[in-house]
Amino acid sequence: MDQTQLIWIKDPLSILAEGAERGVVVQGGKIVELVGRGKEPAATSVTVFDAAEHVVLPGLINTHHHFYQTLTRALPAALDRELFPWLKALYPVWARLTPESLQLGVTVAMSELLLSGCTTTTDHHYVFPAGLEEAVDIEVAVAKRLGLRVLLTRGSMNLSVRDGGLPPDSVVQDEDTILADSARVVAKHHERGEQAMVQIALAPCSPFSVTTSLMQKTAELADKLDVRLHTHLAETEDENRFCEQMHRCRPLDYLEQCGWLNGRTWLAHGIHFNADEIKRLGEAGTTISHCACSNQALASGCCPVCEMEQAGVGIGLGVDGSASNDESNLMQEVRAAFLVQRARYGVDRVSHKDALRWATRGSAACVGRPELGEIAVGKAADLALFKLDELRFSGHGDPLAALVLCGAHRADRVMVGGKWAVIDGAIPGLDVADLIRRHTAAAHAMQAG
């Protein structure tokens, strides 16, 4: 696609933007004009995409995931368990990851995300068994092939069972190896600026799988390299008890002691914070990835989003791992977040537009990309277009509400940086049947040991 070309996404059925009733004009990877009611584009030479059957959203942004976990969906040994026993059941299986199986798992996760209207995704890869040292490099290659914008985190674990942690020795690395590779992947892959397609963040896994020294040195390295920080925090009461026993403080206090409580950090889950901790998060500018499906599946609890937003804490959405959510569909995550938070807070405090906002502008804040997540002049031309031609939408009224309430799950068109990454509900050049066949074979081989 010629990036100098002006493309008018014309006359959408509905669009999540003010003053764009007749659509948007994009050029060079950016939105250059909103076309209001009764108006025509300022430019006289535009290529028209007829969006009369489409609801247009800013591209959705996924703020927490574990791509490799698509290889262990609905694993019998991990069913009906809470987080800690769930992890213990899965660690030995994840220790069998190979470069080939990871590449397939990543391709499945990224493809599913794209097809759900996601244009930017994070990933938290923290499992590095022998032979998988270039995991982040594998992820970068897949993202470039599919045309998905990514913030990949170089995760880590160095506190194994023998040291009082949760993971087995086979999936952890030593501190020096972790820090050296963290610096390597940032130097090799991290792009800066509003057009960046690949960025890197640093992400020790959790308080129960890394040492205090690694947490502190990772924060120092992130500051030196000017990249973001990510970890799991306050996901379960078990984690709270672990921190109190191991570190003699609650998880947020531990995070602050390690130099993490600041605007560089976004946290996965954030369920079990008290009122004072929520206030401190807001003052620090630390944001939260709300993972509604995973939290429900593992019975971890429910993120207090309204109290957090009142305290100034930014909220984004994450599908989390495909072994706790068991899917990588961000549009379905929007609906799940809407429903669980509506049940918690009532009709006066949570609407479908809140859930869409969390998946767009809220998630953009989590990943530190203010140029994403909004349809406005100067923002990135990342767009998700949905049709309402399935039985689930028949008889709908408000098109935007229908996406959430009626359960949209597959985009018809997805544009990333001004380029079509999904056309007619498919990723160009991707043989889905062959991918499923190879991915399934890899998953079964890994599960069988």
Protein backbone atom coordinates (compact mmCIF):
# COMPACT_ATOMS: atom_id res chain seq x y z
CA MET A 1 0.00 0.00 0.00
CA ASP A 2 1.33 3.45 -0.99
CA GLN A 3 1.84 5.32 2.29
CA THR A 4 1.55 8.69 0.52
CA GLN A 5 -1.94 7.75 -0.61
CA LEU A 6 -4.93 9.45 1.01
CA ILE A 7 -7.56 6.91 2.06
CA TRP A 8 -11.05 8.03 3.05
CA ILE A 9 -12.82 5.54 5.35
CA LYS A 10 -16.15 6.86 4.13
CA ASP A 11 -19.60 7.08 5.70
CA PRO A 12 -19.30 4.45 8.46
CA LEU A 13 -22.41 2.93 9.97
CA SER A 14 -21.04 4.29 13.25
CA ILE A 15 -17.69 5.52 14.53
CA LEU A 16 -16.22 6.00 18.01
CA ALA A 17 -15.20 9.62 17.45
CA GLU A 18 -16.74 13.06 17.68
CA GLY A 19 -17.06 15.07 14.46
CA ALA A 20 -16.29 12.14 12.15
CA GLU A 21 -19.78 11.18 11.03
CA ARG A 22 -18.61 10.87 7.42
CA GLY A 23 -15.43 9.08 8.38
CA VAL A 24 -11.70 9.68 8.52
CA VAL A 25 -8.89 10.31 6.05
CA VAL A 26 -5.55 8.57 6.66
CA GLN A 27 -2.16 9.08 5.08
CA GLY A 28 1.36 7.95 5.90
CA GLY A 29 0.27 5.93 8.90
CA LYS A 30 -1.66 8.77 10.56
CA ILE A 31 -5.16 10.16 10.68
CA VAL A 32 -5.01 13.46 8.80
CA GLU A 33 -8.66 14.52 8.78
CA LEU A 34 -12.01 13.86 10.42
CA VAL A 35 -14.89 14.35 8.00
CA GLY A 36 -17.94 15.75 9.77
CA ARG A 37 -21.61 15.48 8.92
CA GLY A 38 -22.40 17.05 5.54
CA LYS A 39 -18.69 17.56 4.74
CA GLU A 40 -16.26 16.28 2.11
CA PRO A 41 -12.51 15.67 2.58
CA ALA A 42 -10.32 18.72 2.08
CA ALA A 43 -8.18 16.80 -0.41
CA THR A 44 -9.68 16.32 -3.85
CA SER A 45 -7.80 13.13 -4.69
CA VAL A 46 -8.60 10.36 -2.23
CA THR A 47 -9.01 6.61 -2.44
CA VAL A 48 -12.38 5.69 -0.98
CA PHE A 49 -13.09 2.72 1.24
CA ASP A 50 -16.86 2.41 1.61
CA ALA A 51 -17.53 1.81 5.29
CA ALA A 52 -21.33 1.99 5.11
CA GLU A 53 -21.63 -1.49 6.65
CA HIS A 54 -18.90 -0.99 9.26
CA VAL A 55 -18.66 0.22 12.84
CA VAL A 56 -15.26 1.90 13.17
CA LEU A 57 -13.25 1.78 16.40
CA PRO A 58 -9.76 2.89 17.29
CA GLY A 59 -7.58 -0.19 17.10
CA LEU A 60 -7.89 -2.13 20.34
CA ILE A 61 -4.77 -2.41 22.54
CA ASN A 62 -3.97 -5.53 24.55
CA THR A 63 -1.93 -4.75 27.66
CA HIS A 64 -1.20 -8.20 29.11
CA HIS A 65 -0.69 -11.59 27.51
CA HIS A 66 1.45 -14.73 27.47
CA PHE A 67 1.53 -15.85 23.85
CA TYR A 68 3.18 -19.22 24.51
CA GLN A 69 0.20 -20.30 26.60
CA THR A 70 -1.89 -20.95 23.49
CA LEU A 71 -0.07 -24.29 23.56
CA THR A 72 -1.67 -25.29 26.89
CA ARG A 73 -5.31 -24.29 26.53
CA ALA A 74 -7.81 -26.23 28.68
CA LEU A 75 -5.05 -28.53 29.92
CA PRO A 76 -6.72 -31.18 32.14
CA ALA A 77 -4.04 -31.04 34.85
CA ALA A 78 -4.61 -27.30 35.30
CA LEU A 79 -8.41 -27.24 35.28
CA ASP A 80 -10.37 -26.04 38.31
CA ARG A 81 -7.33 -24.67 40.14
CA GLU A 82 -6.52 -21.27 41.59
CA LEU A 83 -3.36 -19.41 40.54
CA PHE A 84 -0.57 -21.05 42.55
CA PRO A 85 -1.59 -24.72 42.00
CA TRP A 86 -2.50 -23.81 38.39
CA LEU A 87 1.03 -22.51 37.83
CA LYS A 88 2.63 -25.54 39.47
CA ALA A 89 0.67 -27.81 37.11
CA LEU A 90 1.80 -25.86 34.05
CA TYR A 91 5.44 -24.98 34.74
CA PRO A 92 6.73 -28.47 33.84
CA VAL A 93 4.85 -28.38 30.53
CA TRP A 94 6.09 -24.89 29.68
CA ALA A 95 9.64 -26.09 30.38
CA ARG A 96 9.33 -28.15 27.16
CA LEU A 97 8.94 -25.08 24.94
CA THR A 98 11.14 -25.06 21.86
CA PRO A 99 11.81 -22.29 19.33
CA GLU A 100 9.51 -24.05 16.87
CA SER A 101 6.61 -24.49 19.28
CA LEU A 102 6.99 -20.92 20.54
CA GLN A 103 6.88 -19.55 17.00
CA LEU A 104 3.61 -21.41 16.41
CA GLY A 105 2.14 -20.34 19.75
CA VAL A 106 3.02 -16.71 19.09
CA THR A 107 1.57 -16.84 15.57
CA VAL A 108 -1.72 -18.23 16.87
CA ALA A 109 -1.97 -15.61 19.63
CA MET A 110 -1.11 -12.64 17.40
CA SER A 111 -3.42 -13.83 14.62
CA GLU A 112 -6.34 -14.27 16.99
CA LEU A 113 -5.71 -10.81 18.42
CA LEU A 114 -5.57 -9.19 14.97
CA LEU A 115 -8.79 -10.86 13.90
CA SER A 116 -10.50 -9.54 17.04
CA GLY A 117 -9.69 -5.92 16.15
CA CYS A 118 -6.45 -5.61 18.13
CA THR A 119 -3.80 -3.42 16.49
CA THR A 120 -1.27 -3.19 19.34
CA THR A 121 -0.40 -5.92 21.80
CA THR A 122 2.00 -6.53 24.62
CA ASP A 123 3.38 -9.92 25.57
CA HIS A 124 4.94 -11.06 28.84
CA HIS A 125 7.34 -13.88 28.02
CA TYR A 126 9.15 -15.05 31.13
CA VAL A 127 9.84 -18.77 30.48
CA PHE A 128 13.36 -19.38 29.16
CA PRO A 129 14.24 -23.09 29.26
CA ALA A 130 17.55 -24.09 27.68
CA GLY A 131 17.48 -23.49 23.92
CA LEU A 132 14.89 -20.71 24.06
CA GLU A 133 17.26 -17.83 24.72
CA GLU A 134 16.05 -15.93 21.63
CA ALA A 135 12.35 -16.02 22.50
CA VAL A 136 11.89 -12.26 22.11
CA ASP A 137 13.60 -12.33 18.71
CA ILE A 138 11.14 -15.02 17.58
CA GLU A 139 8.22 -12.85 18.67
CA VAL A 140 9.57 -9.82 16.82
CA ALA A 141 9.83 -11.81 13.58
CA VAL A 142 6.21 -13.00 13.82
CA ALA A 143 4.92 -9.49 14.58
CA LYS A 144 6.70 -8.06 11.56
CA ARG A 145 5.33 -10.79 9.33
CA LEU A 146 1.74 -10.20 10.47
CA GLY A 147 1.95 -6.39 10.61
CA LEU A 148 0.90 -6.10 14.25
CA ARG A 149 2.22 -3.29 16.47
CA VAL A 150 3.85 -4.74 19.60
CA LEU A 151 5.35 -3.90 22.97
CA LEU A 152 7.14 -7.13 23.85
CA THR A 153 8.39 -7.52 27.38
CA ARG A 154 11.59 -9.35 28.23
CA GLY A 155 10.23 -11.26 31.19
CA SER A 156 12.28 -13.18 33.73
CA MET A 157 12.27 -15.59 36.65
CA ASN A 158 15.28 -16.29 38.88
CA LEU A 159 13.69 -17.42 42.16
CA SER A 160 13.03 -21.16 41.88
CA VAL A 161 11.56 -23.64 44.34
CA ARG A 162 14.95 -24.32 45.93
CA ASP A 163 15.23 -20.61 46.80
CA GLY A 164 11.71 -20.29 48.18
CA GLY A 165 9.97 -19.33 44.93
CA LEU A 166 7.28 -21.07 42.91
CA PRO A 167 8.80 -22.11 39.52
CA PRO A 168 11.05 -25.16 39.04
CA ASP A 169 14.76 -24.79 38.33
CA SER A 170 14.29 -25.74 34.66
CA VAL A 171 12.55 -22.48 33.69
CA VAL A 172 14.61 -19.87 35.57
CA GLN A 173 17.80 -18.00 34.61
CA ASP A 174 20.46 -16.26 36.67
CA GLU A 175 20.42 -12.52 37.24
CA ASP A 176 23.43 -11.69 35.06
CA THR A 177 22.02 -13.59 32.09
CA ILE A 178 18.65 -11.87 32.45
CA LEU A 179 20.05 -8.36 32.68
CA ALA A 180 22.47 -8.88 29.80
CA ASP A 181 19.75 -10.21 27.51
CA SER A 182 17.37 -7.45 28.59
CA ALA A 183 19.91 -4.89 27.41
CA ARG A 184 20.51 -6.89 24.21
CA VAL A 185 16.89 -7.06 23.09
CA VAL A 186 16.31 -3.37 23.82
CA ALA A 187 19.38 -2.41 21.77
CA LYS A 188 18.40 -4.73 18.93
CA HIS A 189 14.65 -4.24 18.67
CA HIS A 190 13.33 -1.19 20.53
CA GLU A 191 12.03 1.54 18.22
CA ARG A 192 11.23 5.06 19.36
CA GLY A 193 8.79 7.67 18.12
CA GLU A 194 5.14 7.73 17.18
CA GLN A 195 5.56 5.40 14.20
CA ALA A 196 7.26 2.65 16.23
CA MET A 197 6.01 -0.84 15.40
CA VAL A 198 8.24 -2.81 17.81
CA GLN A 199 9.06 -1.75 21.34
CA ILE A 200 10.55 -3.59 24.30
CA ALA A 201 9.81 -3.38 28.02
CA LEU A 202 11.38 -5.22 30.97
CA ALA A 203 9.22 -7.52 33.03
CA PRO A 204 10.33 -9.68 35.98
CA CYS A 205 7.43 -12.07 36.36
CA SER A 206 6.10 -11.62 39.90
CA PRO A 207 7.11 -11.22 43.57
CA PHE A 208 7.04 -15.00 44.01
CA SER A 209 9.36 -15.84 41.09
CA VAL A 210 12.15 -13.20 41.14
CA THR A 211 14.64 -11.90 43.70
CA THR A 212 14.62 -8.42 45.19
CA SER A 213 17.99 -7.79 43.59
CA LEU A 214 16.62 -8.56 40.12
CA MET A 215 13.60 -6.30 40.69
CA GLN A 216 15.83 -3.42 41.74
CA LYS A 217 18.43 -3.85 39.01
CA THR A 218 15.75 -4.20 36.34
CA ALA A 219 14.21 -0.90 37.46
CA GLU A 220 17.63 0.73 37.24
CA LEU A 221 18.21 -0.72 33.77
CA ALA A 222 14.80 0.40 32.53
CA ASP A 223 15.52 3.91 33.73
CA LYS A 224 18.92 3.89 32.03
CA LEU A 225 17.52 2.57 28.74
CA ASP A 226 14.27 4.59 28.99
CA VAL A 227 11.88 1.68 28.53
CA ARG A 228 8.76 0.65 30.42
CA LEU A 229 8.39 -1.82 33.30
CA HIS A 230 5.76 -4.52 33.74
CA THR A 231 4.94 -7.26 36.24
CA HIS A 232 2.05 -9.12 37.86
CA LEU A 233 0.90 -7.62 41.16
CA ALA A 234 -1.94 -8.04 43.64
CA GLU A 235 -3.52 -10.82 41.59
CA THR A 236 -4.42 -13.12 44.50
CA GLU A 237 -4.54 -13.20 48.28
CA ASP A 238 -1.91 -15.97 48.10
CA GLU A 239 0.48 -13.41 46.62
CA ASN A 240 -0.26 -10.99 49.45
CA ARG A 241 0.51 -13.70 52.00
CA PHE A 242 3.70 -14.69 50.15
CA CYS A 243 4.99 -11.10 50.22
CA GLU A 244 4.15 -10.67 53.87
CA GLN A 245 6.01 -13.89 54.75
CA MET A 246 8.98 -13.43 52.39
CA HIS A 247 9.41 -9.64 52.40
CA ARG A 248 7.55 -8.60 55.57
CA CYS A 249 5.33 -6.20 53.63
CA ARG A 250 2.43 -6.07 51.19
CA PRO A 251 3.06 -6.30 47.42
CA LEU A 252 2.76 -2.58 46.70
CA ASP A 253 5.16 -1.69 49.51
CA TYR A 254 7.59 -4.22 48.06
CA LEU A 255 7.17 -2.71 44.60
CA GLU A 256 7.95 0.75 45.95
CA GLN A 257 11.01 -0.50 47.86
CA CYS A 258 12.32 -1.93 44.58
CA GLY A 259 11.97 1.42 42.76
CA TRP A 260 8.97 0.47 40.65
CA LEU A 261 6.19 2.74 41.89
CA ASN A 262 6.24 5.36 39.13
CA GLY A 263 4.84 6.33 35.74
CA ARG A 264 7.13 3.93 33.89
CA THR A 265 5.28 0.92 35.32
CA TRP A 266 2.06 -0.83 34.38
CA LEU A 267 0.81 -3.79 36.40
CA ALA A 268 -1.23 -6.84 35.47
CA HIS A 269 -4.39 -7.51 37.51
CA GLY A 270 -4.31 -5.12 40.49
CA ILE A 271 -7.17 -6.86 42.29
CA HIS A 272 -6.18 -6.89 45.96
CA PHE A 273 -5.17 -3.30 46.71
CA ASN A 274 -6.63 -1.39 49.65
CA ALA A 275 -7.83 2.21 49.49
CA ASP A 276 -4.50 3.72 50.55
CA GLU A 277 -2.64 1.65 47.97
CA ILE A 278 -5.01 2.71 45.21
CA LYS A 279 -4.37 6.34 46.14
CA ARG A 280 -0.61 5.78 45.97
CA LEU A 281 -0.91 4.15 42.54
CA GLY A 282 -2.77 7.19 41.23
CA GLU A 283 -0.24 9.62 42.69
CA ALA A 284 2.63 7.64 41.15
CA GLY A 285 1.08 7.45 37.67
CA THR A 286 1.26 3.65 37.66
CA THR A 287 -1.40 2.01 35.46
CA ILE A 288 -3.30 -1.29 35.63
CA SER A 289 -4.12 -3.96 33.06
CA HIS A 290 -7.54 -5.36 33.94
CA CYS A 291 -7.80 -9.02 32.86
CA ALA A 292 -11.46 -9.84 33.39
CA CYS A 293 -11.65 -13.30 31.79
CA SER A 294 -8.53 -14.68 33.45
CA ASN A 295 -9.52 -13.31 36.84
CA GLN A 296 -12.91 -14.99 36.60
CA ALA A 297 -11.51 -18.31 35.33
CA LEU A 298 -8.97 -18.55 38.17
CA ALA A 299 -11.42 -17.10 40.72
CA SER A 300 -8.81 -14.49 41.63
CA GLY A 301 -11.26 -11.65 42.29
CA CYS A 302 -12.29 -8.47 40.49
CA CYS A 303 -10.24 -5.36 39.78
CA PRO A 304 -11.81 -2.30 41.52
CA VAL A 305 -11.78 -0.16 38.38
CA CYS A 306 -14.11 2.61 39.54
CA GLU A 307 -12.18 3.32 42.74
CA MET A 308 -8.97 3.24 40.75
CA GLU A 309 -10.14 5.68 38.10
CA GLN A 310 -11.45 8.00 40.79
CA ALA A 311 -7.93 7.98 42.25
CA GLY A 312 -6.39 8.77 38.87
CA VAL A 313 -5.20 5.26 38.04
CA GLY A 314 -5.32 4.51 34.31
CA ILE A 315 -7.11 1.27 33.38
CA GLY A 316 -6.38 -0.80 30.29
CA LEU A 317 -7.52 -4.28 29.24
CA GLY A 318 -5.54 -7.48 28.78
CA VAL A 319 -6.60 -10.91 27.59
CA ASP A 320 -3.87 -12.48 29.77
CA GLY A 321 -2.52 -15.92 28.99
CA SER A 322 -4.40 -18.29 26.77
CA ALA A 323 -4.11 -20.94 29.48
CA SER A 324 -6.19 -18.93 31.96
CA ASN A 325 -8.42 -17.04 29.54
CA ASP A 326 -8.17 -19.84 26.95
CA GLU A 327 -8.61 -17.35 24.13
CA SER A 328 -6.81 -14.30 22.74
CA ASN A 329 -9.83 -12.29 21.63
CA LEU A 330 -9.67 -8.68 22.81
CA MET A 331 -13.16 -7.76 21.62
CA GLN A 332 -14.53 -10.55 23.78
CA GLU A 333 -12.45 -9.20 26.66
CA VAL A 334 -14.20 -5.84 26.25
CA ARG A 335 -17.56 -7.55 26.75
CA ALA A 336 -16.30 -9.57 29.71
CA ALA A 337 -14.91 -6.46 31.40
CA PHE A 338 -18.16 -4.60 30.80
CA LEU A 339 -20.29 -7.39 32.26
CA VAL A 340 -18.21 -8.12 35.36
CA GLN A 341 -17.82 -4.43 36.22
CA ARG A 342 -21.49 -3.66 35.49
CA ALA A 343 -22.41 -6.46 37.89
CA ARG A 344 -20.08 -4.99 40.50
CA TYR A 345 -20.96 -1.30 40.20
CA GLY A 346 -24.39 -1.10 38.57
CA VAL A 347 -25.83 0.62 35.51
CA ASP A 348 -25.08 4.16 36.67
CA ARG A 349 -21.30 3.70 36.93
CA VAL A 350 -20.25 1.39 34.07
CA SER A 351 -21.37 1.56 30.43
CA HIS A 352 -20.31 -0.16 27.21
CA LYS A 353 -18.41 3.01 26.32
CA ASP A 354 -16.31 2.64 29.47
CA ALA A 355 -15.25 -0.84 28.39
CA LEU A 356 -14.37 0.42 24.91
CA ARG A 357 -12.42 3.30 26.49
CA TRP A 358 -10.43 0.89 28.66
CA ALA A 359 -9.44 -1.11 25.55
CA THR A 360 -8.38 1.99 23.62
CA ARG A 361 -7.32 5.19 25.39
CA GLY A 362 -6.88 3.43 28.72
CA SER A 363 -4.69 0.75 27.23
CA ALA A 364 -2.70 3.37 25.30
CA ALA A 365 -1.77 4.93 28.64
CA CYS A 366 -0.60 1.57 29.95
CA VAL A 367 1.82 1.10 27.06
CA GLY A 368 2.96 4.73 27.09
CA ARG A 369 1.68 5.47 23.57
CA PRO A 370 -0.61 8.55 23.66
CA GLU A 371 -0.68 8.58 19.84
CA LEU A 372 -2.68 5.34 19.91
CA GLY A 373 -6.17 4.44 21.07
CA GLU A 374 -8.13 7.37 19.67
CA ILE A 375 -9.59 8.49 16.36
CA ALA A 376 -8.33 12.06 16.07
CA VAL A 377 -6.16 14.12 13.75
CA GLY A 378 -2.49 13.32 14.26
CA LYS A 379 -3.14 9.96 15.91
CA ALA A 380 -1.94 6.69 14.42
CA ALA A 381 -4.07 5.20 11.65
CA ASP A 382 -4.84 2.08 13.70
CA LEU A 383 -8.49 1.17 13.12
CA ALA A 384 -10.78 -1.82 13.67
CA LEU A 385 -13.86 -2.15 11.46
CA PHE A 386 -16.69 -4.51 12.39
CA LYS A 387 -19.75 -5.57 10.41
CA LEU A 388 -23.07 -6.26 12.11
CA ASP A 389 -24.28 -8.89 9.63
CA GLU A 390 -24.30 -11.95 11.93
CA LEU A 391 -27.34 -13.45 13.62
CA ARG A 392 -26.07 -12.18 16.97
CA PHE A 393 -26.64 -8.58 15.82
CA SER A 394 -30.01 -9.01 14.13
CA GLY A 395 -32.47 -6.37 15.33
CA HIS A 396 -29.82 -4.17 16.96
CA GLY A 397 -30.35 -0.48 17.68
CA ASP A 398 -27.21 1.45 18.67
CA PRO A 399 -24.33 0.00 16.60
CA LEU A 400 -21.56 0.79 19.12
CA ALA A 401 -23.54 -0.72 21.96
CA ALA A 402 -24.30 -3.76 19.80
CA LEU A 403 -20.60 -4.54 19.42
CA VAL A 404 -20.28 -4.97 23.18
CA LEU A 405 -23.72 -6.16 24.21
CA CYS A 406 -24.29 -8.59 21.35
CA GLY A 407 -20.80 -10.04 21.53
CA ALA A 408 -18.73 -8.96 18.52
CA HIS A 409 -15.71 -11.22 18.22
CA ARG A 410 -14.27 -10.86 14.71
CA ALA A 411 -13.31 -7.73 12.80
CA ASP A 412 -13.93 -7.48 9.07
CA ARG A 413 -11.07 -5.05 8.45
CA VAL A 414 -8.12 -4.01 10.60
CA MET A 415 -5.70 -1.22 9.72
CA VAL A 416 -2.33 -0.87 11.48
CA GLY A 417 -0.23 2.19 10.72
CA GLY A 418 -2.30 2.94 7.62
CA LYS A 419 -1.91 -0.58 6.19
CA TRP A 420 -4.63 -3.24 6.02
CA ALA A 421 -3.61 -6.18 8.23
CA VAL A 422 -7.02 -7.89 8.06
CA ILE A 423 -9.15 -7.90 4.91
CA ASP A 424 -12.62 -9.47 4.70
CA GLY A 425 -12.14 -11.13 8.07
CA ALA A 426 -8.86 -12.81 7.13
CA ILE A 427 -5.13 -12.12 7.45
CA PRO A 428 -3.66 -11.95 3.93
CA GLY A 429 -1.27 -14.81 3.24
CA LEU A 430 -2.04 -16.72 6.44
CA ASP A 431 -3.10 -20.36 5.94
CA VAL A 432 -5.21 -20.75 9.06
CA ALA A 433 -5.98 -24.44 8.56
CA ASP A 434 -2.28 -25.27 8.23
CA LEU A 435 -1.43 -23.11 11.25
CA ILE A 436 -4.04 -24.91 13.37
CA ARG A 437 -2.71 -28.30 12.25
CA ARG A 438 0.91 -27.50 13.09
CA HIS A 439 0.08 -25.64 16.31
CA THR A 440 -2.11 -28.48 17.56
CA ALA A 441 0.60 -31.03 16.84
CA ALA A 442 3.16 -28.94 18.71
CA ALA A 443 0.81 -28.48 21.66
CA HIS A 444 0.06 -32.20 21.92
CA ALA A 445 3.76 -33.08 21.69
CA MET A 446 4.62 -30.60 24.44
CA GLN A 447 1.79 -31.76 26.69
CA ALA A 448 2.73 -35.40 26.24
CA GLY A 449 6.31 -34.72 27.30
